């Protein structure tokens, strides 16, 4: 089970707002806010699963070990990679 802290960290890595994640995960904004709350407010298991799947589709890996839990950003979206490739070509002498 993912935690609210992991969801907030994943959003930060992706530079997504709560509204953006709620839209991509197809969940209500209030449900996402409950999931991310520090007070441990309950949400439906389906909501948590949809949020997890949306973040994983964007390149987030949820990590759990004996030392704790976290998130890792595995890859950037193709749009970011395309912008970076264009920037490299512009800087390259021809």
N, C-alpha and C. Protein backbone atom coordinates (compact mmCIF):
# COMPACT_ATOMS: atom_id res chain seq x y z
N UNK A 1 0.85 -1.18 0.00
CA UNK A 1 0.00 0.00 0.00
C UNK A 1 0.89 1.24 0.00
N UNK A 2 0.61 2.18 -0.88
CA UNK A 2 1.38 3.42 -0.93
C UNK A 2 0.88 4.39 0.13
N UNK A 3 1.74 5.31 0.50
CA UNK A 3 1.39 6.29 1.53
C UNK A 3 1.15 7.67 0.90
N UNK A 4 0.51 8.52 1.67
CA UNK A 4 0.30 9.90 1.23
C UNK A 4 1.61 10.62 0.98
N UNK A 5 2.59 10.34 1.82
CA UNK A 5 3.91 10.96 1.67
C UNK A 5 4.55 10.54 0.34
N UNK A 6 4.40 9.28 -0.03
CA UNK A 6 4.94 8.81 -1.32
C UNK A 6 4.23 9.49 -2.49
N UNK A 7 2.93 9.65 -2.38
CA UNK A 7 2.17 10.31 -3.45
C UNK A 7 2.62 11.75 -3.60
N UNK A 8 2.79 12.46 -2.50
CA UNK A 8 3.25 13.85 -2.57
C UNK A 8 4.64 13.93 -3.17
N UNK A 9 5.53 13.01 -2.79
CA UNK A 9 6.88 13.01 -3.34
C UNK A 9 6.86 12.71 -4.84
N UNK A 10 6.02 11.78 -5.24
CA UNK A 10 5.91 11.44 -6.66
C UNK A 10 5.40 12.63 -7.47
N UNK A 11 4.40 13.33 -6.93
CA UNK A 11 3.90 14.52 -7.63
C UNK A 11 4.99 15.56 -7.77
N UNK A 12 5.80 15.72 -6.72
CA UNK A 12 6.88 16.71 -6.76
C UNK A 12 7.89 16.34 -7.85
N UNK A 13 8.24 15.06 -7.97
CA UNK A 13 9.18 14.63 -9.00
C UNK A 13 8.64 14.91 -10.40
N UNK A 14 7.33 14.76 -10.56
CA UNK A 14 6.70 14.99 -11.86
C UNK A 14 6.30 16.44 -12.08
N UNK A 15 6.39 17.25 -11.03
CA UNK A 15 5.95 18.64 -11.08
C UNK A 15 4.46 18.72 -11.43
N UNK A 16 3.67 17.85 -10.81
CA UNK A 16 2.22 17.81 -11.00
C UNK A 16 1.52 18.43 -9.81
N UNK A 17 0.43 19.12 -10.07
CA UNK A 17 -0.43 19.62 -9.01
C UNK A 17 -1.38 18.50 -8.58
N UNK A 18 -2.06 18.70 -7.48
CA UNK A 18 -3.07 17.73 -7.06
C UNK A 18 -4.16 17.62 -8.11
N UNK A 19 -4.52 18.75 -8.70
CA UNK A 19 -5.57 18.74 -9.73
C UNK A 19 -5.15 17.91 -10.94
N UNK A 20 -3.89 18.03 -11.34
CA UNK A 20 -3.40 17.27 -12.49
C UNK A 20 -3.43 15.77 -12.20
N UNK A 21 -2.97 15.37 -11.02
CA UNK A 21 -2.96 13.95 -10.68
C UNK A 21 -4.38 13.41 -10.57
N UNK A 22 -5.27 14.15 -9.94
CA UNK A 22 -6.65 13.70 -9.81
C UNK A 22 -7.26 13.47 -11.19
N UNK A 23 -6.98 14.37 -12.13
CA UNK A 23 -7.51 14.24 -13.48
C UNK A 23 -6.92 13.01 -14.18
N UNK A 24 -5.62 12.82 -14.08
CA UNK A 24 -4.97 11.69 -14.75
C UNK A 24 -5.38 10.36 -14.13
N UNK A 25 -5.61 10.34 -12.82
CA UNK A 25 -5.99 9.11 -12.12
C UNK A 25 -7.50 8.86 -12.17
N UNK A 26 -8.24 9.83 -12.65
CA UNK A 26 -9.70 9.74 -12.71
C UNK A 26 -10.31 9.55 -11.32
N UNK A 27 -9.81 10.34 -10.37
CA UNK A 27 -10.36 10.32 -9.00
C UNK A 27 -10.78 11.73 -8.63
N UNK A 28 -11.64 11.82 -7.63
CA UNK A 28 -12.07 13.14 -7.14
C UNK A 28 -10.91 13.83 -6.44
N UNK A 29 -10.82 15.12 -6.60
CA UNK A 29 -9.77 15.91 -5.95
C UNK A 29 -9.85 15.74 -4.43
N UNK A 30 -11.04 15.73 -3.89
CA UNK A 30 -11.17 15.57 -2.43
C UNK A 30 -10.64 14.21 -1.97
N UNK A 31 -10.83 13.17 -2.78
CA UNK A 31 -10.30 11.84 -2.43
C UNK A 31 -8.77 11.86 -2.45
N UNK A 32 -8.18 12.53 -3.43
CA UNK A 32 -6.73 12.63 -3.50
C UNK A 32 -6.20 13.40 -2.29
N UNK A 33 -6.87 14.49 -1.93
CA UNK A 33 -6.43 15.27 -0.77
C UNK A 33 -6.50 14.43 0.51
N UNK A 34 -7.52 13.57 0.61
CA UNK A 34 -7.62 12.68 1.78
C UNK A 34 -6.46 11.69 1.78
N UNK A 35 -6.14 11.14 0.61
CA UNK A 35 -5.05 10.18 0.50
C UNK A 35 -3.72 10.81 0.91
N UNK A 36 -3.49 12.05 0.49
CA UNK A 36 -2.24 12.73 0.78
C UNK A 36 -2.17 13.32 2.19
N UNK A 37 -3.27 13.31 2.89
CA UNK A 37 -3.32 13.96 4.20
C UNK A 37 -2.39 13.28 5.21
N UNK A 38 -1.79 14.06 6.07
CA UNK A 38 -0.92 13.55 7.13
C UNK A 38 -1.73 12.90 8.26
N UNK A 39 -3.02 13.15 8.28
CA UNK A 39 -3.87 12.63 9.36
C UNK A 39 -4.31 11.19 9.10
N UNK A 40 -3.91 10.62 7.98
CA UNK A 40 -4.25 9.24 7.69
C UNK A 40 -5.73 9.02 7.43
N UNK A 41 -6.36 9.97 6.74
CA UNK A 41 -7.78 9.84 6.43
C UNK A 41 -7.97 8.69 5.44
N UNK A 42 -9.01 7.93 5.64
CA UNK A 42 -9.26 6.76 4.81
C UNK A 42 -9.78 7.11 3.42
N UNK A 43 -9.37 6.30 2.45
CA UNK A 43 -9.89 6.39 1.09
C UNK A 43 -10.15 4.96 0.61
N UNK A 44 -10.97 4.83 -0.40
CA UNK A 44 -11.25 3.52 -0.97
C UNK A 44 -9.99 2.94 -1.59
N UNK A 45 -9.85 1.63 -1.48
CA UNK A 45 -8.69 0.95 -2.05
C UNK A 45 -8.59 1.21 -3.56
N UNK A 46 -9.73 1.29 -4.24
CA UNK A 46 -9.75 1.56 -5.67
C UNK A 46 -9.15 2.92 -6.00
N UNK A 47 -9.39 3.91 -5.15
CA UNK A 47 -8.83 5.24 -5.36
C UNK A 47 -7.31 5.19 -5.27
N UNK A 48 -6.82 4.53 -4.23
CA UNK A 48 -5.37 4.41 -4.05
C UNK A 48 -4.76 3.70 -5.25
N UNK A 49 -5.41 2.65 -5.72
CA UNK A 49 -4.91 1.88 -6.86
C UNK A 49 -4.86 2.73 -8.13
N UNK A 50 -5.90 3.53 -8.37
CA UNK A 50 -5.92 4.39 -9.56
C UNK A 50 -4.81 5.44 -9.51
N UNK A 51 -4.57 6.01 -8.35
CA UNK A 51 -3.51 7.00 -8.18
C UNK A 51 -2.16 6.34 -8.42
N UNK A 52 -1.96 5.16 -7.83
CA UNK A 52 -0.70 4.43 -8.02
C UNK A 52 -0.46 4.13 -9.50
N UNK A 53 -1.48 3.65 -10.19
CA UNK A 53 -1.32 3.30 -11.61
C UNK A 53 -1.01 4.54 -12.46
N UNK A 54 -1.64 5.67 -12.17
CA UNK A 54 -1.38 6.90 -12.93
C UNK A 54 0.07 7.36 -12.73
N UNK A 55 0.55 7.27 -11.50
CA UNK A 55 1.93 7.69 -11.23
C UNK A 55 2.93 6.72 -11.84
N UNK A 56 2.66 5.43 -11.76
CA UNK A 56 3.55 4.45 -12.38
C UNK A 56 3.60 4.62 -13.89
N UNK A 57 2.47 4.94 -14.51
CA UNK A 57 2.43 5.18 -15.96
C UNK A 57 3.29 6.38 -16.36
N UNK A 58 3.47 7.31 -15.42
CA UNK A 58 4.28 8.50 -15.68
C UNK A 58 5.75 8.27 -15.35
N UNK A 59 6.11 7.05 -14.91
CA UNK A 59 7.51 6.75 -14.67
C UNK A 59 7.93 6.67 -13.21
N UNK A 60 6.97 6.66 -12.30
CA UNK A 60 7.28 6.59 -10.87
C UNK A 60 7.35 5.13 -10.43
N UNK A 61 8.36 4.82 -9.64
CA UNK A 61 8.50 3.50 -9.02
C UNK A 61 8.35 3.68 -7.52
N UNK A 62 7.45 2.93 -6.92
CA UNK A 62 7.26 2.97 -5.47
C UNK A 62 8.20 1.95 -4.85
N UNK A 63 8.94 2.37 -3.83
CA UNK A 63 9.98 1.55 -3.20
C UNK A 63 9.61 1.30 -1.75
N UNK A 64 9.81 0.05 -1.32
CA UNK A 64 9.63 -0.29 0.09
C UNK A 64 10.74 -1.26 0.48
N UNK A 65 11.45 -0.94 1.54
CA UNK A 65 12.53 -1.81 2.02
C UNK A 65 12.50 -1.82 3.54
N UNK A 66 13.42 -2.52 4.11
CA UNK A 66 13.52 -2.56 5.56
C UNK A 66 13.88 -1.21 6.16
N UNK A 67 14.40 -0.32 5.33
CA UNK A 67 14.80 1.01 5.80
C UNK A 67 13.72 2.05 5.63
N UNK A 68 12.65 1.72 4.93
CA UNK A 68 11.56 2.68 4.75
C UNK A 68 10.94 2.60 3.39
N UNK A 69 10.18 3.63 3.06
CA UNK A 69 9.47 3.72 1.79
C UNK A 69 9.92 4.97 1.05
N UNK A 70 9.77 4.92 -0.28
CA UNK A 70 10.14 6.08 -1.08
C UNK A 70 9.61 5.95 -2.49
N UNK A 71 10.08 6.84 -3.34
CA UNK A 71 9.72 6.82 -4.76
C UNK A 71 10.96 7.11 -5.58
N UNK A 72 10.92 6.65 -6.82
CA UNK A 72 12.02 6.90 -7.76
C UNK A 72 11.39 7.24 -9.11
N UNK A 73 11.99 8.19 -9.79
CA UNK A 73 11.55 8.58 -11.13
C UNK A 73 12.39 7.81 -12.13
N UNK A 74 11.77 6.87 -12.85
CA UNK A 74 12.51 5.98 -13.74
C UNK A 74 12.85 6.59 -15.09
N UNK A 75 11.96 7.37 -15.64
CA UNK A 75 12.20 7.96 -16.95
C UNK A 75 11.40 9.22 -17.13
N UNK A 76 11.87 10.03 -18.05
CA UNK A 76 11.16 11.26 -18.36
C UNK A 76 10.21 11.01 -19.50
N UNK A 77 9.19 11.82 -19.59
CA UNK A 77 8.23 11.66 -20.68
C UNK A 77 8.87 12.02 -22.00
N UNK A 78 8.31 11.53 -23.06
CA UNK A 78 8.89 11.78 -24.39
C UNK A 78 8.91 13.27 -24.72
N UNK A 79 7.96 14.03 -24.22
CA UNK A 79 7.96 15.47 -24.48
C UNK A 79 9.16 16.15 -23.88
N UNK A 80 9.54 15.75 -22.68
CA UNK A 80 10.72 16.33 -22.04
C UNK A 80 11.97 15.91 -22.80
N UNK A 81 12.05 14.63 -23.18
CA UNK A 81 13.21 14.14 -23.90
C UNK A 81 13.35 14.85 -25.23
N UNK A 82 12.24 15.10 -25.91
CA UNK A 82 12.28 15.78 -27.19
C UNK A 82 12.80 17.21 -27.03
N UNK A 83 12.33 17.92 -26.00
CA UNK A 83 12.82 19.28 -25.76
C UNK A 83 14.31 19.29 -25.47
N UNK A 84 14.77 18.31 -24.68
CA UNK A 84 16.19 18.24 -24.35
C UNK A 84 17.02 17.92 -25.59
N UNK A 85 16.52 17.03 -26.44
CA UNK A 85 17.25 16.69 -27.67
C UNK A 85 17.35 17.91 -28.58
N UNK A 86 16.26 18.67 -28.69
CA UNK A 86 16.27 19.90 -29.50
C UNK A 86 17.28 20.89 -28.94
N UNK A 87 17.32 21.02 -27.63
CA UNK A 87 18.25 21.96 -27.01
C UNK A 87 19.69 21.56 -27.29
N UNK A 88 19.98 20.25 -27.26
CA UNK A 88 21.34 19.79 -27.56
C UNK A 88 21.70 20.10 -29.02
N UNK A 89 20.75 19.91 -29.94
CA UNK A 89 21.03 20.17 -31.36
C UNK A 89 21.28 21.66 -31.59
N UNK A 90 20.55 22.51 -30.89
CA UNK A 90 20.71 23.95 -31.07
C UNK A 90 22.09 24.38 -30.59
N UNK A 91 22.56 23.78 -29.49
CA UNK A 91 23.87 24.15 -28.93
C UNK A 91 25.04 23.55 -29.72
N UNK A 92 24.80 22.49 -30.48
CA UNK A 92 25.89 21.81 -31.21
C UNK A 92 26.33 22.66 -32.40
N UNK A 93 27.65 22.83 -32.59
CA UNK A 93 28.12 23.58 -33.76
C UNK A 93 27.92 22.71 -35.01
N UNK A 94 27.46 23.33 -36.09
CA UNK A 94 27.24 22.58 -37.34
C UNK A 94 28.13 23.06 -38.44
